[in-house]
Amino acid sequence: MTISDIYSIDKRSDIMSKVRQEGTKAEILIRRFLFSHGFRYRKNDKRYPGKPDIVLPKYRMIIFVHGCFWHGHVNCKAAELPKTNTDFWKKKISENIARDQKNIETLRKEGWNVITIWQCEIEIKNKRKARLDLLLEEIINRR
């Protein structure tokens, strides 16, 4: 527990254990959308770098659905760092960003098209339709 943390070590651990890594609301919305448009995919496929959220083998397309906070979405309110333990979070998020970039680079070298969708693009209703329409366009045009 840091000095400025308002929770005990056990309580903080409990809170952090509830943060989902797979099957987030944004991922589920995107998967349902793709399925309803006839796309078939694999989810969280461990064979590929970064364990992509969605793999469309037929289209050589990989989709990452990134949480704005955890992956450092630039200029996004949801990605603001906490006021406490800032050095820890800066390091954590910058390591995540570096890992993401390395995984995307590796996948592209292997011939995959890679799309990143941010959580805020899907969970904010007035952005969702436009982003999902763009996703269809990206899949079809990169084929």
C-alpha atoms as a PDB file:
ATOM      1  CA  MET A   1       0.000   0.000   0.000  1.00  0.00           C
ATOM      2  CA  THR A   2       1.380   3.381  -0.929  1.00  0.00           C
ATOM      3  CA  ILE A   3       1.164   6.150   1.600  1.00  0.00           C
ATOM      4  CA  SER A   4      -1.505   7.971  -0.397  1.00  0.00           C
ATOM      5  CA  ASP A   5      -3.596   4.871  -1.208  1.00  0.00           C
ATOM      6  CA  ILE A   6      -6.929   4.967   0.595  1.00  0.00           C
ATOM      7  CA  TYR A   7      -7.321   1.163   0.486  1.00  0.00           C
ATOM      8  CA  SER A   8      -5.506  -1.599   2.320  1.00  0.00           C
ATOM      9  CA  ILE A   9      -3.236  -3.923   0.352  1.00  0.00           C
ATOM     10  CA  ASP A  10      -5.901  -6.665   0.424  1.00  0.00           C
ATOM     11  CA  LYS A  11      -8.682  -4.325  -0.703  1.00  0.00           C
ATOM     12  CA  ARG A  12      -6.547  -2.891  -3.531  1.00  0.00           C
ATOM     13  CA  SER A  13      -5.674  -6.435  -4.620  1.00  0.00           C
ATOM     14  CA  ASP A  14      -9.366  -7.346  -4.642  1.00  0.00           C
ATOM     15  CA  ILE A  15     -10.222  -4.272  -6.736  1.00  0.00           C
ATOM     16  CA  MET A  16      -7.454  -4.963  -9.260  1.00  0.00           C
ATOM     17  CA  SER A  17      -8.399  -8.651  -9.560  1.00  0.00           C
ATOM     18  CA  LYS A  18     -11.783  -7.579 -10.921  1.00  0.00           C
ATOM     19  CA  VAL A  19     -10.265  -5.745 -13.887  1.00  0.00           C
ATOM     20  CA  ARG A  20     -11.101  -7.906 -16.903  1.00  0.00           C
ATOM     21  CA  GLN A  21      -8.447  -8.874 -19.428  1.00  0.00           C
ATOM     22  CA  GLU A  22     -10.763 -10.765 -21.756  1.00  0.00           C
ATOM     23  CA  GLY A  23     -14.442 -10.542 -22.540  1.00  0.00           C
ATOM     24  CA  THR A  24     -14.801  -6.833 -21.888  1.00  0.00           C
ATOM     25  CA  LYS A  25     -17.991  -5.029 -22.845  1.00  0.00           C
ATOM     26  CA  ALA A  26     -16.270  -3.436 -25.841  1.00  0.00           C
ATOM     27  CA  GLU A  27     -14.925  -6.803 -27.082  1.00  0.00           C
ATOM     28  CA  ILE A  28     -18.325  -8.446 -26.784  1.00  0.00           C
ATOM     29  CA  LEU A  29     -20.036  -5.607 -28.697  1.00  0.00           C
ATOM     30  CA  ILE A  30     -17.475  -5.872 -31.510  1.00  0.00           C
ATOM     31  CA  ARG A  31     -17.672  -9.673 -31.681  1.00  0.00           C
ATOM     32  CA  ARG A  32     -21.477  -9.591 -31.838  1.00  0.00           C
ATOM     33  CA  PHE A  33     -21.339  -6.946 -34.553  1.00  0.00           C
ATOM     34  CA  LEU A  34     -18.866  -8.960 -36.638  1.00  0.00           C
ATOM     35  CA  PHE A  35     -20.807 -12.204 -36.201  1.00  0.00           C
ATOM     36  CA  SER A  36     -24.087 -10.512 -37.210  1.00  0.00           C
ATOM     37  CA  HIS A  37     -22.358  -9.355 -40.407  1.00  0.00           C
ATOM     38  CA  GLY A  38     -21.242 -12.877 -41.279  1.00  0.00           C
ATOM     39  CA  PHE A  39     -17.654 -12.728 -40.060  1.00  0.00           C
ATOM     40  CA  ARG A  40     -16.203 -15.721 -38.263  1.00  0.00           C
ATOM     41  CA  TYR A  41     -13.254 -15.257 -35.970  1.00  0.00           C
ATOM     42  CA  ARG A  42     -11.083 -16.664 -33.244  1.00  0.00           C
ATOM     43  CA  LYS A  43     -10.851 -14.865 -29.925  1.00  0.00           C
ATOM     44  CA  ASN A  44      -7.842 -14.379 -27.669  1.00  0.00           C
ATOM     45  CA  ASP A  45      -5.672 -16.651 -29.801  1.00  0.00           C
ATOM     46  CA  LYS A  46      -2.479 -17.433 -27.883  1.00  0.00           C
ATOM     47  CA  ARG A  47      -0.615 -18.431 -31.050  1.00  0.00           C
ATOM     48  CA  TYR A  48      -0.065 -14.805 -32.003  1.00  0.00           C
ATOM     49  CA  PRO A  49       1.942 -12.055 -30.294  1.00  0.00           C
ATOM     50  CA  GLY A  50      -0.170 -10.080 -27.856  1.00  0.00           C
ATOM     51  CA  LYS A  51      -2.902 -12.739 -27.757  1.00  0.00           C
ATOM     52  CA  PRO A  52      -5.195 -10.722 -30.059  1.00  0.00           C
ATOM     53  CA  ASP A  53      -8.775 -10.133 -28.976  1.00  0.00           C
ATOM     54  CA  ILE A  54     -10.145 -11.042 -32.420  1.00  0.00           C
ATOM     55  CA  VAL A  55      -8.471 -12.890 -35.298  1.00  0.00           C
ATOM     56  CA  LEU A  56     -10.130 -13.051 -38.722  1.00  0.00           C
ATOM     57  CA  PRO A  57      -7.970 -15.682 -40.468  1.00  0.00           C
ATOM     58  CA  LYS A  58      -9.845 -15.446 -43.795  1.00  0.00           C
ATOM     59  CA  TYR A  59      -8.960 -11.746 -44.015  1.00  0.00           C
ATOM     60  CA  ARG A  60      -5.496 -11.980 -42.404  1.00  0.00           C
ATOM     61  CA  MET A  61      -6.861  -9.413 -39.955  1.00  0.00           C
ATOM     62  CA  ILE A  62      -6.129  -9.019 -36.262  1.00  0.00           C
ATOM     63  CA  ILE A  63      -8.129  -6.717 -34.013  1.00  0.00           C
ATOM     64  CA  PHE A  64      -6.976  -5.484 -30.636  1.00  0.00           C
ATOM     65  CA  VAL A  65      -9.591  -3.900 -28.389  1.00  0.00           C
ATOM     66  CA  HIS A  66      -7.605  -1.716 -26.033  1.00  0.00           C
ATOM     67  CA  GLY A  67      -8.724  -0.265 -22.738  1.00  0.00           C
ATOM     68  CA  CYS A  68      -7.929   3.442 -22.864  1.00  0.00           C
ATOM     69  CA  PHE A  69      -6.312   3.552 -19.408  1.00  0.00           C
ATOM     70  CA  TRP A  70      -4.229   0.384 -19.639  1.00  0.00           C
ATOM     71  CA  HIS A  71      -2.898   1.059 -23.139  1.00  0.00           C
ATOM     72  CA  GLY A  72      -2.385   4.825 -22.853  1.00  0.00           C
ATOM     73  CA  HIS A  73      -4.922   6.220 -25.329  1.00  0.00           C
ATOM     74  CA  VAL A  74      -3.591   9.681 -26.176  1.00  0.00           C
ATOM     75  CA  ASN A  75      -5.916  12.631 -25.436  1.00  0.00           C
ATOM     76  CA  CYS A  76      -8.586  10.388 -23.892  1.00  0.00           C
ATOM     77  CA  LYS A  77     -10.160  11.320 -20.565  1.00  0.00           C
ATOM     78  CA  ALA A  78     -10.351   7.635 -19.604  1.00  0.00           C
ATOM     79  CA  ALA A  79      -6.559   7.372 -19.927  1.00  0.00           C
ATOM     80  CA  GLU A  80      -5.718   9.998 -17.328  1.00  0.00           C
ATOM     81  CA  LEU A  81      -3.197   8.784 -14.782  1.00  0.00           C
ATOM     82  CA  PRO A  82      -4.191   8.555 -11.127  1.00  0.00           C
ATOM     83  CA  LYS A  83      -3.027  11.366  -8.879  1.00  0.00           C
ATOM     84  CA  THR A  84      -1.328   8.865  -6.567  1.00  0.00           C
ATOM     85  CA  ASN A  85       1.611   6.600  -7.336  1.00  0.00           C
ATOM     86  CA  THR A  86       2.041   8.441 -10.645  1.00  0.00           C
ATOM     87  CA  ASP A  87       5.573   7.193 -11.327  1.00  0.00           C
ATOM     88  CA  PHE A  88       4.421   3.570 -11.051  1.00  0.00           C
ATOM     89  CA  TRP A  89       1.512   4.132 -13.441  1.00  0.00           C
ATOM     90  CA  LYS A  90       3.629   6.076 -15.980  1.00  0.00           C
ATOM     91  CA  LYS A  91       6.110   3.202 -16.081  1.00  0.00           C
ATOM     92  CA  LYS A  92       3.370   0.553 -16.253  1.00  0.00           C
ATOM     93  CA  ILE A  93       1.467   2.254 -19.080  1.00  0.00           C
ATOM     94  CA  SER A  94       4.612   3.085 -21.080  1.00  0.00           C
ATOM     95  CA  GLU A  95       5.698  -0.572 -20.856  1.00  0.00           C
ATOM     96  CA  ASN A  96       2.256  -1.626 -22.110  1.00  0.00           C
ATOM     97  CA  ILE A  97       2.513   0.802 -25.034  1.00  0.00           C
ATOM     98  CA  ALA A  98       5.999  -0.458 -25.951  1.00  0.00           C
ATOM     99  CA  ARG A  99       4.816  -4.090 -25.788  1.00  0.00           C
ATOM    100  CA  ASP A 100       1.770  -3.273 -27.941  1.00  0.00           C
ATOM    101  CA  GLN A 101       3.955  -1.586 -30.577  1.00  0.00           C
ATOM    102  CA  LYS A 102       6.356  -4.541 -30.646  1.00  0.00           C
ATOM    103  CA  ASN A 103       3.491  -7.041 -31.026  1.00  0.00           C
ATOM    104  CA  ILE A 104       1.867  -5.024 -33.830  1.00  0.00           C
ATOM    105  CA  GLU A 105       5.190  -4.687 -35.646  1.00  0.00           C
ATOM    106  CA  THR A 106       5.798  -8.455 -35.397  1.00  0.00           C
ATOM    107  CA  LEU A 107       2.300  -9.264 -36.659  1.00  0.00           C
ATOM    108  CA  ARG A 108       2.652  -6.875 -39.616  1.00  0.00           C
ATOM    109  CA  LYS A 109       6.004  -8.436 -40.547  1.00  0.00           C
ATOM    110  CA  GLU A 110       4.195 -11.805 -40.571  1.00  0.00           C
ATOM    111  CA  GLY A 111       1.698 -10.400 -43.086  1.00  0.00           C
ATOM    112  CA  TRP A 112      -1.219  -9.581 -40.797  1.00  0.00           C
ATOM    113  CA  ASN A 113      -3.332  -6.441 -41.039  1.00  0.00           C
ATOM    114  CA  VAL A 114      -3.730  -5.024 -37.546  1.00  0.00           C
ATOM    115  CA  ILE A 115      -6.528  -2.789 -36.301  1.00  0.00           C
ATOM    116  CA  THR A 116      -6.662  -1.220 -32.855  1.00  0.00           C
ATOM    117  CA  ILE A 117     -10.042  -0.204 -31.488  1.00  0.00           C
ATOM    118  CA  TRP A 118     -10.170   1.862 -28.332  1.00  0.00           C
ATOM    119  CA  GLN A 119     -12.644   1.151 -25.563  1.00  0.00           C
ATOM    120  CA  CYS A 120     -14.008   4.718 -25.684  1.00  0.00           C
ATOM    121  CA  GLU A 121     -14.827   4.346 -29.391  1.00  0.00           C
ATOM    122  CA  ILE A 122     -17.198   1.492 -28.595  1.00  0.00           C
ATOM    123  CA  GLU A 123     -18.533   2.221 -25.130  1.00  0.00           C
ATOM    124  CA  ILE A 124     -19.537   5.818 -25.892  1.00  0.00           C
ATOM    125  CA  LYS A 125     -22.805   5.342 -27.764  1.00  0.00           C
ATOM    126  CA  ASN A 126     -22.555   8.339 -30.078  1.00  0.00           C
ATOM    127  CA  LYS A 127     -19.148   7.083 -31.336  1.00  0.00           C
ATOM    128  CA  ARG A 128     -20.031   3.372 -31.615  1.00  0.00           C
ATOM    129  CA  LYS A 129     -21.913   3.220 -34.926  1.00  0.00           C
ATOM    130  CA  ALA A 130     -19.320   5.293 -36.773  1.00  0.00           C
ATOM    131  CA  ARG A 131     -16.462   3.147 -35.431  1.00  0.00           C
ATOM    132  CA  LEU A 132     -18.190  -0.134 -36.266  1.00  0.00           C
ATOM    133  CA  ASP A 133     -18.988   1.097 -39.789  1.00  0.00           C
ATOM    134  CA  LEU A 134     -15.339   2.095 -40.177  1.00  0.00           C
ATOM    135  CA  LEU A 135     -14.288  -1.356 -38.941  1.00  0.00           C
ATOM    136  CA  LEU A 136     -16.319  -3.018 -41.721  1.00  0.00           C
ATOM    137  CA  GLU A 137     -14.680  -0.712 -44.245  1.00  0.00           C
ATOM    138  CA  GLU A 138     -11.195  -1.484 -42.885  1.00  0.00           C
ATOM    139  CA  ILE A 139     -11.759  -5.239 -43.078  1.00  0.00           C
ATOM    140  CA  ILE A 140     -13.186  -5.164 -46.596  1.00  0.00           C
ATOM    141  CA  ASN A 141     -10.655  -2.675 -48.015  1.00  0.00           C
ATOM    142  CA  ARG A 142      -7.598  -4.398 -46.549  1.00  0.00           C
ATOM    143  CA  ARG A 143      -8.632  -7.747 -47.916  1.00  0.00           C
END
